[in-house]
Amino acid sequence: MRAEDLREVIRTQPFRPFAIVAADGARIRVDHPEWILVRSDRSAVVYDQEERLHILDVMLLQRVEVEPPVPAGSPAPEPDGQE
């Protein structure tokens, strides 16, 4: 993955939560654009809901899975998956 591709997902307006999928299959959820920093073309830092810090090699990321948009007027889903 390219750092610019990741930056584009972060800058999307309105922001849509997404998951980063690493080469080993690990998924790291990003619920807010301030929880991720793409520092260079090779590294990104993510702070997750469990207050863990992930330092990632951008070149080793497989893909980004963006959540579908929430229809206007409907309540936003709970970030922990509860209804």
N, C-alpha and C. Protein backbone atom coordinates (compact mmCIF):
# COMPACT_ATOMS: atom_id res chain seq x y z
N MET A 1 0.84 -1.17 0.00
CA MET A 1 0.00 0.00 0.00
C MET A 1 0.89 1.24 0.00
N ARG A 2 0.40 2.29 -0.61
CA ARG A 2 1.13 3.55 -0.62
C ARG A 2 0.61 4.46 0.49
N ALA A 3 1.50 5.25 1.07
CA ALA A 3 1.11 6.18 2.13
C ALA A 3 0.07 7.17 1.63
N GLU A 4 0.17 7.59 0.39
CA GLU A 4 -0.79 8.56 -0.15
C GLU A 4 -2.19 7.96 -0.24
N ASP A 5 -2.29 6.67 -0.52
CA ASP A 5 -3.61 6.00 -0.53
C ASP A 5 -4.23 6.03 0.86
N LEU A 6 -3.42 5.79 1.87
CA LEU A 6 -3.90 5.81 3.24
C LEU A 6 -4.31 7.23 3.64
N ARG A 7 -3.52 8.22 3.27
CA ARG A 7 -3.87 9.62 3.57
C ARG A 7 -5.19 10.01 2.91
N GLU A 8 -5.44 9.52 1.73
CA GLU A 8 -6.69 9.83 1.02
C GLU A 8 -7.90 9.30 1.79
N VAL A 9 -7.80 8.09 2.32
CA VAL A 9 -8.89 7.52 3.11
C VAL A 9 -9.11 8.35 4.38
N ILE A 10 -8.04 8.79 5.00
CA ILE A 10 -8.14 9.58 6.23
C ILE A 10 -8.80 10.93 5.96
N ARG A 11 -8.52 11.55 4.81
CA ARG A 11 -9.03 12.88 4.49
C ARG A 11 -10.46 12.89 3.92
N THR A 12 -11.01 11.73 3.62
CA THR A 12 -12.34 11.65 3.02
C THR A 12 -13.36 12.38 3.89
N GLN A 13 -14.19 13.21 3.25
CA GLN A 13 -15.23 13.96 3.96
C GLN A 13 -16.59 13.53 3.47
N PRO A 14 -17.52 13.17 4.33
CA PRO A 14 -17.29 13.01 5.76
C PRO A 14 -16.45 11.77 6.03
N PHE A 15 -15.72 11.81 7.14
CA PHE A 15 -14.86 10.69 7.51
C PHE A 15 -15.70 9.43 7.71
N ARG A 16 -15.20 8.31 7.22
CA ARG A 16 -15.85 7.02 7.43
C ARG A 16 -14.85 6.10 8.13
N PRO A 17 -15.26 5.50 9.26
CA PRO A 17 -14.35 4.58 9.96
C PRO A 17 -13.87 3.48 9.00
N PHE A 18 -12.68 2.99 9.26
CA PHE A 18 -12.11 1.95 8.41
C PHE A 18 -11.22 1.03 9.23
N ALA A 19 -10.89 -0.09 8.64
CA ALA A 19 -9.96 -1.04 9.24
C ALA A 19 -8.77 -1.20 8.30
N ILE A 20 -7.61 -1.24 8.89
CA ILE A 20 -6.37 -1.51 8.14
C ILE A 20 -6.09 -3.00 8.31
N VAL A 21 -5.83 -3.67 7.20
CA VAL A 21 -5.52 -5.10 7.24
C VAL A 21 -4.04 -5.27 6.93
N ALA A 22 -3.32 -5.84 7.90
CA ALA A 22 -1.88 -6.04 7.76
C ALA A 22 -1.59 -7.33 7.00
N ALA A 23 -0.34 -7.50 6.61
CA ALA A 23 0.07 -8.68 5.84
C ALA A 23 -0.18 -9.98 6.60
N ASP A 24 -0.14 -9.93 7.94
CA ASP A 24 -0.37 -11.14 8.73
C ASP A 24 -1.85 -11.38 9.02
N GLY A 25 -2.74 -10.54 8.45
CA GLY A 25 -4.18 -10.69 8.63
C GLY A 25 -4.75 -9.89 9.79
N ALA A 26 -3.90 -9.27 10.59
CA ALA A 26 -4.38 -8.46 11.71
C ALA A 26 -5.18 -7.27 11.18
N ARG A 27 -6.27 -6.94 11.91
CA ARG A 27 -7.12 -5.81 11.53
C ARG A 27 -7.02 -4.76 12.62
N ILE A 28 -6.76 -3.53 12.22
CA ILE A 28 -6.67 -2.42 13.16
C ILE A 28 -7.72 -1.40 12.75
N ARG A 29 -8.66 -1.17 13.64
CA ARG A 29 -9.79 -0.27 13.35
C ARG A 29 -9.41 1.17 13.65
N VAL A 30 -9.82 2.08 12.74
CA VAL A 30 -9.60 3.51 12.91
C VAL A 30 -10.98 4.17 12.90
N ASP A 31 -11.42 4.65 14.06
CA ASP A 31 -12.75 5.24 14.20
C ASP A 31 -12.79 6.76 14.07
N HIS A 32 -11.63 7.39 14.07
CA HIS A 32 -11.57 8.85 14.00
C HIS A 32 -10.28 9.25 13.31
N PRO A 33 -10.31 10.29 12.48
CA PRO A 33 -9.09 10.65 11.74
C PRO A 33 -7.95 11.12 12.64
N GLU A 34 -8.25 11.55 13.85
CA GLU A 34 -7.19 11.97 14.76
C GLU A 34 -6.50 10.80 15.45
N TRP A 35 -6.99 9.58 15.22
CA TRP A 35 -6.40 8.41 15.84
C TRP A 35 -5.32 7.77 14.97
N ILE A 36 -5.03 8.38 13.81
CA ILE A 36 -4.01 7.82 12.92
C ILE A 36 -3.12 8.95 12.40
N LEU A 37 -1.84 8.66 12.31
CA LEU A 37 -0.87 9.60 11.77
C LEU A 37 -0.01 8.86 10.77
N VAL A 38 0.00 9.35 9.54
CA VAL A 38 0.89 8.80 8.52
C VAL A 38 2.09 9.73 8.49
N ARG A 39 3.15 9.30 9.13
CA ARG A 39 4.30 10.16 9.39
C ARG A 39 5.22 10.32 8.18
N SER A 40 5.35 9.28 7.41
CA SER A 40 6.24 9.31 6.25
C SER A 40 5.67 8.38 5.19
N ASP A 41 6.44 8.12 4.15
CA ASP A 41 5.97 7.19 3.13
C ASP A 41 6.03 5.74 3.61
N ARG A 42 6.68 5.50 4.74
CA ARG A 42 6.84 4.13 5.22
C ARG A 42 6.18 3.82 6.56
N SER A 43 5.82 4.82 7.35
CA SER A 43 5.31 4.51 8.68
C SER A 43 4.01 5.23 9.01
N ALA A 44 3.18 4.54 9.78
CA ALA A 44 1.93 5.09 10.28
C ALA A 44 1.80 4.68 11.74
N VAL A 45 1.14 5.53 12.51
CA VAL A 45 0.91 5.25 13.92
C VAL A 45 -0.60 5.31 14.15
N VAL A 46 -1.15 4.28 14.79
CA VAL A 46 -2.59 4.21 15.08
C VAL A 46 -2.77 4.01 16.58
N TYR A 47 -3.69 4.79 17.15
CA TYR A 47 -4.09 4.65 18.55
C TYR A 47 -5.49 4.08 18.51
N ASP A 48 -5.70 2.90 19.11
CA ASP A 48 -7.01 2.25 18.99
C ASP A 48 -7.89 2.45 20.22
N GLN A 49 -9.12 1.90 20.16
CA GLN A 49 -10.09 2.06 21.24
C GLN A 49 -9.63 1.43 22.56
N GLU A 50 -8.79 0.44 22.50
CA GLU A 50 -8.27 -0.20 23.71
C GLU A 50 -7.04 0.52 24.24
N GLU A 51 -6.77 1.71 23.69
CA GLU A 51 -5.64 2.56 24.10
C GLU A 51 -4.29 1.90 23.83
N ARG A 52 -4.24 1.11 22.75
CA ARG A 52 -2.98 0.52 22.30
C ARG A 52 -2.42 1.36 21.17
N LEU A 53 -1.13 1.42 21.09
CA LEU A 53 -0.44 2.15 20.04
C LEU A 53 0.16 1.15 19.05
N HIS A 54 -0.17 1.32 17.77
CA HIS A 54 0.34 0.44 16.71
C HIS A 54 1.25 1.26 15.80
N ILE A 55 2.46 0.80 15.61
CA ILE A 55 3.39 1.43 14.66
C ILE A 55 3.48 0.48 13.47
N LEU A 56 3.08 0.98 12.31
CA LEU A 56 2.93 0.14 11.12
C LEU A 56 3.88 0.53 10.01
N ASP A 57 4.35 -0.46 9.29
CA ASP A 57 5.09 -0.24 8.05
C ASP A 57 4.06 -0.20 6.93
N VAL A 58 3.83 0.96 6.37
CA VAL A 58 2.78 1.15 5.36
C VAL A 58 2.96 0.21 4.18
N MET A 59 4.18 -0.05 3.80
CA MET A 59 4.43 -0.92 2.65
C MET A 59 3.99 -2.36 2.89
N LEU A 60 3.80 -2.75 4.17
CA LEU A 60 3.39 -4.12 4.48
C LEU A 60 1.89 -4.25 4.73
N LEU A 61 1.14 -3.19 4.50
CA LEU A 61 -0.31 -3.24 4.69
C LEU A 61 -0.96 -3.78 3.42
N GLN A 62 -1.92 -4.68 3.59
CA GLN A 62 -2.59 -5.29 2.43
C GLN A 62 -3.67 -4.40 1.85
N ARG A 63 -4.55 -3.91 2.73
CA ARG A 63 -5.69 -3.15 2.23
C ARG A 63 -6.33 -2.35 3.36
N VAL A 64 -7.26 -1.49 2.95
CA VAL A 64 -8.08 -0.72 3.88
C VAL A 64 -9.53 -1.09 3.59
N GLU A 65 -10.29 -1.41 4.62
CA GLU A 65 -11.70 -1.74 4.48
C GLU A 65 -12.52 -0.60 5.07
N VAL A 66 -13.13 0.19 4.20
CA VAL A 66 -13.91 1.36 4.63
C VAL A 66 -15.35 0.93 4.87
N GLU A 67 -15.92 1.40 5.99
CA GLU A 67 -17.31 1.08 6.30
C GLU A 67 -18.24 1.82 5.36
N PRO A 68 -19.41 1.24 5.09
CA PRO A 68 -20.38 1.92 4.22
C PRO A 68 -20.89 3.19 4.90
N PRO A 69 -21.32 4.16 4.11
CA PRO A 69 -21.82 5.41 4.70
C PRO A 69 -23.13 5.17 5.46
N VAL A 70 -23.34 6.00 6.47
CA VAL A 70 -24.59 5.94 7.24
C VAL A 70 -25.60 6.82 6.52
N PRO A 71 -26.79 6.29 6.17
CA PRO A 71 -27.79 7.10 5.48
C PRO A 71 -28.18 8.33 6.30
N ALA A 72 -28.43 9.44 5.62
CA ALA A 72 -28.80 10.68 6.29
C ALA A 72 -30.06 10.46 7.12
N GLY A 73 -30.05 11.00 8.34
CA GLY A 73 -31.20 10.90 9.21
C GLY A 73 -31.24 9.67 10.08
N SER A 74 -30.37 8.69 9.82
CA SER A 74 -30.36 7.49 10.65
C SER A 74 -29.29 7.64 11.73
N PRO A 75 -29.50 6.99 12.88
CA PRO A 75 -28.51 7.10 13.95
C PRO A 75 -27.22 6.41 13.55
N ALA A 76 -26.11 6.99 13.95
CA ALA A 76 -24.81 6.39 13.66
C ALA A 76 -24.66 5.12 14.49
N PRO A 77 -24.04 4.08 13.94
CA PRO A 77 -23.84 2.84 14.72
C PRO A 77 -22.90 3.09 15.88
N GLU A 78 -23.09 2.31 16.94
CA GLU A 78 -22.20 2.39 18.09
C GLU A 78 -20.82 1.87 17.69
N PRO A 79 -19.73 2.54 18.11
CA PRO A 79 -18.39 2.11 17.71
C PRO A 79 -18.00 0.73 18.22
N ASP A 80 -18.66 0.25 19.30
CA ASP A 80 -18.30 -1.07 19.82
C ASP A 80 -19.16 -2.19 19.24
N GLY A 81 -20.02 -1.85 18.25
CA GLY A 81 -20.81 -2.84 17.57
C GLY A 81 -22.16 -3.13 18.20
N GLN A 82 -22.46 -2.51 19.34
CA GLN A 82 -23.75 -2.72 19.97
C GLN A 82 -24.80 -1.86 19.31
N GLU A 83 -26.04 -2.25 19.46
CA GLU A 83 -27.14 -1.48 18.84
C GLU A 83 -27.80 -0.58 19.83
